[in-house]
Amino acid sequence: MALKAEALFEKMVPLLETHGEEFVKKVGAVFHFEIKANKDSEAKHFSLDLKNGKGKFSKGKEGTADATFSMLDDTIIAL
């Protein structure tokens, strides 16, 4: 089952290309996301690097996280 959050993260990729350096200057952090489809499912991991270069979205855990968010797929979409 594909996560809605994954599609959301993929939409960020073009924004990082055009505005990533600006985001990196303002945020300066690496975030890991542990997203579950439901309470009983296995988490999928994603990384959002807003600390280096133009920033970068990755599937899996990449880099050392400054913060890790664990939540359900519907919760991150609601945010």
Protein backbone atom coordinates (compact mmCIF):
# COMPACT_ATOMS: atom_id res chain seq x y z
CA MET A 1 0.00 0.00 0.00
CA ALA A 2 1.46 3.34 -1.04
CA LEU A 3 1.54 6.07 1.55
CA LYS A 4 -0.04 9.43 0.83
CA ALA A 5 2.91 11.01 2.63
CA GLU A 6 5.31 9.64 0.03
CA ALA A 7 3.45 11.50 -2.73
CA LEU A 8 3.51 14.63 -0.57
CA PHE A 9 7.29 14.38 -0.13
CA GLU A 10 7.78 13.78 -3.87
CA LYS A 11 5.97 17.07 -4.55
CA MET A 12 8.66 18.83 -2.48
CA VAL A 13 11.48 17.77 -4.82
CA PRO A 14 10.86 20.50 -7.47
CA LEU A 15 10.54 23.09 -4.69
CA LEU A 16 13.94 22.11 -3.37
CA GLU A 17 15.43 22.59 -6.83
CA THR A 18 14.12 26.15 -7.06
CA HIS A 19 14.00 27.30 -3.41
CA GLY A 20 16.13 24.75 -1.55
CA GLU A 21 19.05 27.02 -0.72
CA GLU A 22 16.62 29.50 0.82
CA PHE A 23 15.01 26.72 2.93
CA VAL A 24 18.43 25.46 4.03
CA LYS A 25 19.45 28.95 5.21
CA LYS A 26 16.23 29.31 7.24
CA VAL A 27 15.86 25.77 8.65
CA GLY A 28 19.33 24.19 8.92
CA ALA A 29 18.15 20.74 10.04
CA VAL A 30 17.76 17.14 8.88
CA PHE A 31 14.42 15.47 9.57
CA HIS A 32 13.59 11.78 9.58
CA PHE A 33 9.99 10.64 9.21
CA GLU A 34 8.70 7.23 10.31
CA ILE A 35 5.28 6.92 8.71
CA LYS A 36 2.81 4.07 9.20
CA ALA A 37 -0.32 3.40 7.13
CA ASN A 38 -2.04 2.36 10.39
CA LYS A 39 -1.09 1.56 13.99
CA ASP A 40 -0.31 -2.08 13.23
CA SER A 41 1.70 -1.64 10.02
CA GLU A 42 5.44 -1.40 9.60
CA ALA A 43 6.86 2.11 9.31
CA LYS A 44 8.35 3.43 6.10
CA HIS A 45 11.22 5.87 6.51
CA PHE A 46 11.90 9.14 4.72
CA SER A 47 14.51 11.87 5.14
CA LEU A 48 14.30 15.57 4.44
CA ASP A 49 17.68 17.31 4.53
CA LEU A 50 17.22 21.05 4.94
CA LYS A 51 20.76 21.49 6.24
CA ASN A 52 22.98 20.95 3.19
CA GLY A 53 23.17 22.42 -0.32
CA LYS A 54 19.72 22.81 -1.89
CA GLY A 55 18.20 20.29 0.47
CA LYS A 56 17.22 16.75 -0.42
CA PHE A 57 14.35 14.30 -0.02
CA SER A 58 15.28 10.61 0.32
CA LYS A 59 13.47 7.37 0.89
CA GLY A 60 14.97 5.68 3.93
CA LYS A 61 17.02 7.18 6.72
CA GLU A 62 19.80 9.35 5.35
CA GLY A 63 22.10 11.55 7.38
CA THR A 64 21.98 12.27 11.07
CA ALA A 65 18.56 13.53 12.09
CA ASP A 66 18.13 16.66 14.15
CA ALA A 67 14.54 15.54 14.74
CA THR A 68 12.52 12.40 14.01
CA PHE A 69 8.77 12.42 13.52
CA SER A 70 6.78 9.20 13.98
CA MET A 71 3.17 9.37 12.87
CA LEU A 72 0.37 7.82 10.89
CA ASP A 73 -0.01 8.58 7.20
CA ASP A 74 -3.34 10.35 7.70
CA THR A 75 -1.85 12.51 10.45
CA ILE A 76 0.98 13.89 8.35
CA ILE A 77 -1.46 14.63 5.53
CA ALA A 78 -3.71 16.47 7.98
CA LEU A 79 -0.78 18.63 9.09
